[in-house]
Amino acid sequence: MDANFHTLENLFLQLGLDNDDKAIPLFTQTHQLPADRRIEEADFWSDSQAAFIKECLAEDSDWAEVVDQLNALLHE
């Protein structure tokens, strides 16, 4: 397992999204999810983005903690 500590900025970069200090809050504010929608099921992800998120969570990878952080922001 990769021992690197991943940040929200790194996750956005991994997902191919803008990851600056203004883009992340804008993304999370404009892409809110209903309580019953799982993060990997959001309709705004590409197939590869959704697959990456699903894999991170299913395998409890080193990305899982930051994916959980993003999930919480999208469900505020």
PDB file of N, CA and C in Angstrom:
ATOM      1  N   MET A   1       0.842  -1.184   0.000  1.00  0.00           N
ATOM      2  CA  MET A   1       0.000   0.000   0.000  1.00  0.00           C
ATOM      3  C   MET A   1       0.880   1.238   0.000  1.00  0.00           C
ATOM      4  N   ASP A   2       0.490   2.217  -0.743  1.00  0.00           N
ATOM      5  CA  ASP A   2       1.206   3.480  -0.796  1.00  0.00           C
ATOM      6  C   ASP A   2       1.024   4.205   0.528  1.00  0.00           C
ATOM      7  N   ALA A   3       2.102   4.610   1.143  1.00  0.00           N
ATOM      8  CA  ALA A   3       2.039   5.248   2.450  1.00  0.00           C
ATOM      9  C   ALA A   3       1.865   6.760   2.361  1.00  0.00           C
ATOM     10  N   ASN A   4       1.676   7.287   1.168  1.00  0.00           N
ATOM     11  CA  ASN A   4       1.509   8.723   1.010  1.00  0.00           C
ATOM     12  C   ASN A   4       0.227   9.199   1.665  1.00  0.00           C
ATOM     13  N   PHE A   5       0.289  10.382   2.235  1.00  0.00           N
ATOM     14  CA  PHE A   5      -0.889  11.023   2.791  1.00  0.00           C
ATOM     15  C   PHE A   5      -1.541  11.818   1.675  1.00  0.00           C
ATOM     16  N   HIS A   6      -2.793  11.528   1.404  1.00  0.00           N
ATOM     17  CA  HIS A   6      -3.501  12.215   0.324  1.00  0.00           C
ATOM     18  C   HIS A   6      -4.360  13.336   0.890  1.00  0.00           C
ATOM     19  N   THR A   7      -4.392  14.415   0.156  1.00  0.00           N
ATOM     20  CA  THR A   7      -5.190  15.578   0.545  1.00  0.00           C
ATOM     21  C   THR A   7      -6.377  15.714  -0.408  1.00  0.00           C
ATOM     22  N   LEU A   8      -7.301  16.559  -0.045  1.00  0.00           N
ATOM     23  CA  LEU A   8      -8.432  16.854  -0.910  1.00  0.00           C
ATOM     24  C   LEU A   8      -7.941  17.449  -2.228  1.00  0.00           C
ATOM     25  N   GLU A   9      -6.932  18.275  -2.157  1.00  0.00           N
ATOM     26  CA  GLU A   9      -6.354  18.860  -3.374  1.00  0.00           C
ATOM     27  C   GLU A   9      -5.795  17.765  -4.283  1.00  0.00           C
ATOM     28  N   ASN A  10      -5.113  16.778  -3.686  1.00  0.00           N
ATOM     29  CA  ASN A  10      -4.567  15.659  -4.464  1.00  0.00           C
ATOM     30  C   ASN A  10      -5.678  14.823  -5.088  1.00  0.00           C
ATOM     31  N   LEU A  11      -6.765  14.629  -4.348  1.00  0.00           N
ATOM     32  CA  LEU A  11      -7.889  13.856  -4.878  1.00  0.00           C
ATOM     33  C   LEU A  11      -8.492  14.558  -6.086  1.00  0.00           C
ATOM     34  N   PHE A  12      -8.684  15.854  -5.993  1.00  0.00           N
ATOM     35  CA  PHE A  12      -9.232  16.598  -7.131  1.00  0.00           C
ATOM     36  C   PHE A  12      -8.305  16.496  -8.337  1.00  0.00           C
ATOM     37  N   LEU A  13      -7.013  16.566  -8.101  1.00  0.00           N
ATOM     38  CA  LEU A  13      -6.046  16.404  -9.181  1.00  0.00           C
ATOM     39  C   LEU A  13      -6.146  15.005  -9.782  1.00  0.00           C
ATOM     40  N   GLN A  14      -6.256  13.993  -8.938  1.00  0.00           N
ATOM     41  CA  GLN A  14      -6.387  12.604  -9.389  1.00  0.00           C
ATOM     42  C   GLN A  14      -7.655  12.415 -10.234  1.00  0.00           C
ATOM     43  N   LEU A  15      -8.708  13.126  -9.862  1.00  0.00           N
ATOM     44  CA  LEU A  15      -9.978  13.035 -10.590  1.00  0.00           C
ATOM     45  C   LEU A  15     -10.012  13.923 -11.833  1.00  0.00           C
ATOM     46  N   GLY A  16      -8.945  14.675 -12.062  1.00  0.00           N
ATOM     47  CA  GLY A  16      -8.887  15.542 -13.237  1.00  0.00           C
ATOM     48  C   GLY A  16      -9.679  16.830 -13.077  1.00  0.00           C
ATOM     49  N   LEU A  17      -9.881  17.255 -11.842  1.00  0.00           N
ATOM     50  CA  LEU A  17     -10.650  18.464 -11.553  1.00  0.00           C
ATOM     51  C   LEU A  17      -9.729  19.591 -11.109  1.00  0.00           C
ATOM     52  N   ASP A  18     -10.186  20.826 -11.278  1.00  0.00           N
ATOM     53  CA  ASP A  18      -9.425  21.958 -10.746  1.00  0.00           C
ATOM     54  C   ASP A  18      -9.280  21.764  -9.248  1.00  0.00           C
ATOM     55  N   ASN A  19      -8.081  22.051  -8.741  1.00  0.00           N
ATOM     56  CA  ASN A  19      -7.843  21.774  -7.320  1.00  0.00           C
ATOM     57  C   ASN A  19      -7.291  22.966  -6.562  1.00  0.00           C
ATOM     58  N   ASP A  20      -7.586  24.171  -7.032  1.00  0.00           N
ATOM     59  CA  ASP A  20      -7.095  25.324  -6.289  1.00  0.00           C
ATOM     60  C   ASP A  20      -8.047  25.670  -5.142  1.00  0.00           C
ATOM     61  N   ASP A  21      -7.637  26.628  -4.337  1.00  0.00           N
ATOM     62  CA  ASP A  21      -8.375  26.934  -3.114  1.00  0.00           C
ATOM     63  C   ASP A  21      -9.755  27.538  -3.352  1.00  0.00           C
ATOM     64  N   LYS A  22     -10.055  27.971  -4.568  1.00  0.00           N
ATOM     65  CA  LYS A  22     -11.396  28.478  -4.890  1.00  0.00           C
ATOM     66  C   LYS A  22     -12.234  27.417  -5.603  1.00  0.00           C
ATOM     67  N   ALA A  23     -11.588  26.567  -6.385  1.00  0.00           N
ATOM     68  CA  ALA A  23     -12.314  25.574  -7.179  1.00  0.00           C
ATOM     69  C   ALA A  23     -12.945  24.483  -6.321  1.00  0.00           C
ATOM     70  N   ILE A  24     -12.252  24.054  -5.291  1.00  0.00           N
ATOM     71  CA  ILE A  24     -12.778  22.963  -4.463  1.00  0.00           C
ATOM     72  C   ILE A  24     -14.055  23.376  -3.735  1.00  0.00           C
ATOM     73  N   PRO A  25     -14.061  24.511  -3.021  1.00  0.00           N
ATOM     74  CA  PRO A  25     -15.316  24.924  -2.377  1.00  0.00           C
ATOM     75  C   PRO A  25     -16.448  25.167  -3.383  1.00  0.00           C
ATOM     76  N   LEU A  26     -16.114  25.726  -4.529  1.00  0.00           N
ATOM     77  CA  LEU A  26     -17.132  25.953  -5.558  1.00  0.00           C
ATOM     78  C   LEU A  26     -17.724  24.621  -6.021  1.00  0.00           C
ATOM     79  N   PHE A  27     -16.868  23.627  -6.258  1.00  0.00           N
ATOM     80  CA  PHE A  27     -17.338  22.319  -6.690  1.00  0.00           C
ATOM     81  C   PHE A  27     -18.251  21.692  -5.637  1.00  0.00           C
ATOM     82  N   THR A  28     -17.815  21.704  -4.386  1.00  0.00           N
ATOM     83  CA  THR A  28     -18.614  21.042  -3.344  1.00  0.00           C
ATOM     84  C   THR A  28     -19.922  21.772  -3.073  1.00  0.00           C
ATOM     85  N   GLN A  29     -19.952  23.071  -3.266  1.00  0.00           N
ATOM     86  CA  GLN A  29     -21.189  23.831  -3.059  1.00  0.00           C
ATOM     87  C   GLN A  29     -22.175  23.630  -4.196  1.00  0.00           C
ATOM     88  N   THR A  30     -21.672  23.441  -5.404  1.00  0.00           N
ATOM     89  CA  THR A  30     -22.554  23.332  -6.568  1.00  0.00           C
ATOM     90  C   THR A  30     -22.884  21.886  -6.936  1.00  0.00           C
ATOM     91  N   HIS A  31     -22.324  20.931  -6.236  1.00  0.00           N
ATOM     92  CA  HIS A  31     -22.574  19.517  -6.530  1.00  0.00           C
ATOM     93  C   HIS A  31     -23.081  18.768  -5.296  1.00  0.00           C
ATOM     94  N   GLN A  32     -23.970  19.379  -4.564  1.00  0.00           N
ATOM     95  CA  GLN A  32     -24.510  18.745  -3.371  1.00  0.00           C
ATOM     96  C   GLN A  32     -25.352  17.512  -3.727  1.00  0.00           C
ATOM     97  N   LEU A  33     -25.265  16.496  -2.868  1.00  0.00           N
ATOM     98  CA  LEU A  33     -25.984  15.242  -3.089  1.00  0.00           C
ATOM     99  C   LEU A  33     -27.069  15.055  -2.043  1.00  0.00           C
ATOM    100  N   PRO A  34     -28.183  14.428  -2.427  1.00  0.00           N
ATOM    101  CA  PRO A  34     -29.187  14.090  -1.429  1.00  0.00           C
ATOM    102  C   PRO A  34     -28.636  13.021  -0.473  1.00  0.00           C
ATOM    103  N   ALA A  35     -29.194  12.964   0.703  1.00  0.00           N
ATOM    104  CA  ALA A  35     -28.690  12.057   1.739  1.00  0.00           C
ATOM    105  C   ALA A  35     -28.660  10.597   1.293  1.00  0.00           C
ATOM    106  N   ASP A  36     -29.580  10.201   0.428  1.00  0.00           N
ATOM    107  CA  ASP A  36     -29.651   8.798   0.026  1.00  0.00           C
ATOM    108  C   ASP A  36     -28.813   8.473  -1.217  1.00  0.00           C
ATOM    109  N   ARG A  37     -28.054   9.419  -1.727  1.00  0.00           N
ATOM    110  CA  ARG A  37     -27.228   9.203  -2.925  1.00  0.00           C
ATOM    111  C   ARG A  37     -25.786   8.944  -2.495  1.00  0.00           C
ATOM    112  N   ARG A  38     -25.243   7.812  -2.909  1.00  0.00           N
ATOM    113  CA  ARG A  38     -23.858   7.477  -2.614  1.00  0.00           C
ATOM    114  C   ARG A  38     -22.937   8.301  -3.512  1.00  0.00           C
ATOM    115  N   ILE A  39     -21.785   8.661  -2.995  1.00  0.00           N
ATOM    116  CA  ILE A  39     -20.870   9.535  -3.731  1.00  0.00           C
ATOM    117  C   ILE A  39     -20.514   8.972  -5.099  1.00  0.00           C
ATOM    118  N   GLU A  40     -20.282   7.678  -5.195  1.00  0.00           N
ATOM    119  CA  GLU A  40     -19.885   7.099  -6.479  1.00  0.00           C
ATOM    120  C   GLU A  40     -21.040   7.013  -7.469  1.00  0.00           C
ATOM    121  N   GLU A  41     -22.262   7.248  -7.016  1.00  0.00           N
ATOM    122  CA  GLU A  41     -23.446   7.211  -7.877  1.00  0.00           C
ATOM    123  C   GLU A  41     -23.844   8.589  -8.409  1.00  0.00           C
ATOM    124  N   ALA A  42     -23.098   9.616  -8.032  1.00  0.00           N
ATOM    125  CA  ALA A  42     -23.436  10.970  -8.472  1.00  0.00           C
ATOM    126  C   ALA A  42     -23.345  11.059  -9.988  1.00  0.00           C
ATOM    127  N   ASP A  43     -24.299  11.754 -10.581  1.00  0.00           N
ATOM    128  CA  ASP A  43     -24.359  11.825 -12.041  1.00  0.00           C
ATOM    129  C   ASP A  43     -23.345  12.791 -12.649  1.00  0.00           C
ATOM    130  N   PHE A  44     -22.617  13.526 -11.828  1.00  0.00           N
ATOM    131  CA  PHE A  44     -21.632  14.461 -12.366  1.00  0.00           C
ATOM    132  C   PHE A  44     -20.247  13.839 -12.569  1.00  0.00           C
ATOM    133  N   TRP A  45     -20.047  12.595 -12.143  1.00  0.00           N
ATOM    134  CA  TRP A  45     -18.759  11.929 -12.374  1.00  0.00           C
ATOM    135  C   TRP A  45     -18.727  11.295 -13.757  1.00  0.00           C
ATOM    136  N   SER A  46     -17.550  11.261 -14.340  1.00  0.00           N
ATOM    137  CA  SER A  46     -17.362  10.441 -15.539  1.00  0.00           C
ATOM    138  C   SER A  46     -17.311   8.979 -15.079  1.00  0.00           C
ATOM    139  N   ASP A  47     -17.385   8.060 -16.003  1.00  0.00           N
ATOM    140  CA  ASP A  47     -17.314   6.642 -15.640  1.00  0.00           C
ATOM    141  C   ASP A  47     -16.013   6.323 -14.911  1.00  0.00           C
ATOM    142  N   SER A  48     -14.911   6.880 -15.381  1.00  0.00           N
ATOM    143  CA  SER A  48     -13.618   6.577 -14.749  1.00  0.00           C
ATOM    144  C   SER A  48     -13.502   7.217 -13.367  1.00  0.00           C
ATOM    145  N   GLN A  49     -14.050   8.410 -13.185  1.00  0.00           N
ATOM    146  CA  GLN A  49     -14.039   9.041 -11.869  1.00  0.00           C
ATOM    147  C   GLN A  49     -14.868   8.224 -10.875  1.00  0.00           C
ATOM    148  N   ALA A  50     -16.052   7.810 -11.292  1.00  0.00           N
ATOM    149  CA  ALA A  50     -16.919   7.018 -10.425  1.00  0.00           C
ATOM    150  C   ALA A  50     -16.262   5.684 -10.070  1.00  0.00           C
ATOM    151  N   ALA A  51     -15.619   5.055 -11.049  1.00  0.00           N
ATOM    152  CA  ALA A  51     -14.944   3.776 -10.806  1.00  0.00           C
ATOM    153  C   ALA A  51     -13.801   3.952  -9.808  1.00  0.00           C
ATOM    154  N   PHE A  52     -13.047   5.029  -9.940  1.00  0.00           N
ATOM    155  CA  PHE A  52     -11.948   5.295  -9.018  1.00  0.00           C
ATOM    156  C   PHE A  52     -12.476   5.471  -7.596  1.00  0.00           C
ATOM    157  N   ILE A  53     -13.511   6.270  -7.433  1.00  0.00           N
ATOM    158  CA  ILE A  53     -14.088   6.515  -6.111  1.00  0.00           C
ATOM    159  C   ILE A  53     -14.627   5.214  -5.521  1.00  0.00           C
ATOM    160  N   LYS A  54     -15.346   4.452  -6.318  1.00  0.00           N
ATOM    161  CA  LYS A  54     -15.910   3.187  -5.843  1.00  0.00           C
ATOM    162  C   LYS A  54     -14.795   2.231  -5.415  1.00  0.00           C
ATOM    163  N   GLU A  55     -13.749   2.142  -6.212  1.00  0.00           N
ATOM    164  CA  GLU A  55     -12.629   1.256  -5.891  1.00  0.00           C
ATOM    165  C   GLU A  55     -11.928   1.696  -4.605  1.00  0.00           C
ATOM    166  N   CYS A  56     -11.728   2.985  -4.438  1.00  0.00           N
ATOM    167  CA  CYS A  56     -11.092   3.502  -3.221  1.00  0.00           C
ATOM    168  C   CYS A  56     -11.850   3.077  -1.975  1.00  0.00           C
ATOM    169  N   LEU A  57     -13.165   3.202  -2.038  1.00  0.00           N
ATOM    170  CA  LEU A  57     -13.988   2.864  -0.883  1.00  0.00           C
ATOM    171  C   LEU A  57     -14.087   1.360  -0.672  1.00  0.00           C
ATOM    172  N   ALA A  58     -14.248   0.604  -1.744  1.00  0.00           N
ATOM    173  CA  ALA A  58     -14.406  -0.849  -1.632  1.00  0.00           C
ATOM    174  C   ALA A  58     -13.144  -1.513  -1.101  1.00  0.00           C
ATOM    175  N   GLU A  59     -12.003  -1.003  -1.519  1.00  0.00           N
ATOM    176  CA  GLU A  59     -10.732  -1.605  -1.113  1.00  0.00           C
ATOM    177  C   GLU A  59     -10.132  -0.933   0.119  1.00  0.00           C
ATOM    178  N   ASP A  60     -10.832   0.049   0.673  1.00  0.00           N
ATOM    179  CA  ASP A  60     -10.325   0.824   1.804  1.00  0.00           C
ATOM    180  C   ASP A  60      -8.883   1.248   1.538  1.00  0.00           C
ATOM    181  N   SER A  61      -8.674   1.799   0.341  1.00  0.00           N
ATOM    182  CA  SER A  61      -7.337   2.198  -0.090  1.00  0.00           C
ATOM    183  C   SER A  61      -6.851   3.399   0.704  1.00  0.00           C
ATOM    184  N   ASP A  62      -5.630   3.796   0.433  1.00  0.00           N
ATOM    185  CA  ASP A  62      -5.083   4.970   1.108  1.00  0.00           C
ATOM    186  C   ASP A  62      -5.793   6.259   0.689  1.00  0.00           C
ATOM    187  N   TRP A  63      -6.605   6.201  -0.347  1.00  0.00           N
ATOM    188  CA  TRP A  63      -7.417   7.345  -0.776  1.00  0.00           C
ATOM    189  C   TRP A  63      -8.755   7.399  -0.025  1.00  0.00           C
ATOM    190  N   ALA A  64      -9.153   6.328   0.648  1.00  0.00           N
ATOM    191  CA  ALA A  64     -10.503   6.225   1.219  1.00  0.00           C
ATOM    192  C   ALA A  64     -10.821   7.353   2.198  1.00  0.00           C
ATOM    193  N   GLU A  65      -9.863   7.738   3.018  1.00  0.00           N
ATOM    194  CA  GLU A  65     -10.133   8.784   4.005  1.00  0.00           C
ATOM    195  C   GLU A  65     -10.478  10.113   3.340  1.00  0.00           C
ATOM    196  N   VAL A  66      -9.733  10.476   2.304  1.00  0.00           N
ATOM    197  CA  VAL A  66     -10.011  11.748   1.634  1.00  0.00           C
ATOM    198  C   VAL A  66     -11.276  11.646   0.774  1.00  0.00           C
ATOM    199  N   VAL A  67     -11.591  10.470   0.251  1.00  0.00           N
ATOM    200  CA  VAL A  67     -12.862  10.283  -0.459  1.00  0.00           C
ATOM    201  C   VAL A  67     -14.015  10.448   0.538  1.00  0.00           C
ATOM    202  N   ASP A  68     -13.855   9.931   1.750  1.00  0.00           N
ATOM    203  CA  ASP A  68     -14.867  10.131   2.790  1.00  0.00           C
ATOM    204  C   ASP A  68     -15.028  11.608   3.119  1.00  0.00           C
ATOM    205  N   GLN A  69     -13.914  12.335   3.136  1.00  0.00           N
ATOM    206  CA  GLN A  69     -13.966  13.770   3.394  1.00  0.00           C
ATOM    207  C   GLN A  69     -14.767  14.481   2.299  1.00  0.00           C
ATOM    208  N   LEU A  70     -14.495  14.139   1.051  1.00  0.00           N
ATOM    209  CA  LEU A  70     -15.251  14.715  -0.069  1.00  0.00           C
ATOM    210  C   LEU A  70     -16.726  14.332   0.030  1.00  0.00           C
ATOM    211  N   ASN A  71     -16.989  13.106   0.383  1.00  0.00           N
ATOM    212  CA  ASN A  71     -18.364  12.637   0.539  1.00  0.00           C
ATOM    213  C   ASN A  71     -19.111  13.500   1.564  1.00  0.00           C
ATOM    214  N   ALA A  72     -18.480  13.767   2.680  1.00  0.00           N
ATOM    215  CA  ALA A  72     -19.110  14.603   3.714  1.00  0.00           C
ATOM    216  C   ALA A  72     -19.387  16.014   3.184  1.00  0.00           C
ATOM    217  N   LEU A  73     -18.450  16.566   2.435  1.00  0.00           N
ATOM    218  CA  LEU A  73     -18.650  17.910   1.872  1.00  0.00           C
ATOM    219  C   LEU A  73     -19.787  17.941   0.859  1.00  0.00           C
ATOM    220  N   LEU A  74     -19.947  16.869   0.117  1.00  0.00           N
ATOM    221  CA  LEU A  74     -21.012  16.817  -0.893  1.00  0.00           C
ATOM    222  C   LEU A  74     -22.385  16.533  -0.290  1.00  0.00           C
ATOM    223  N   HIS A  75     -22.416  16.130   0.972  1.00  0.00           N
ATOM    224  CA  HIS A  75     -23.675  15.832   1.654  1.00  0.00           C
ATOM    225  C   HIS A  75     -24.015  16.850   2.752  1.00  0.00           C
ATOM    226  N   GLU A  76     -23.377  18.012   2.727  1.00  0.00           N
ATOM    227  CA  GLU A  76     -23.661  19.021   3.763  1.00  0.00           C
ATOM    228  C   GLU A  76     -25.030  19.622   3.585  1.00  0.00           C
TER     229      GLU A  76
END
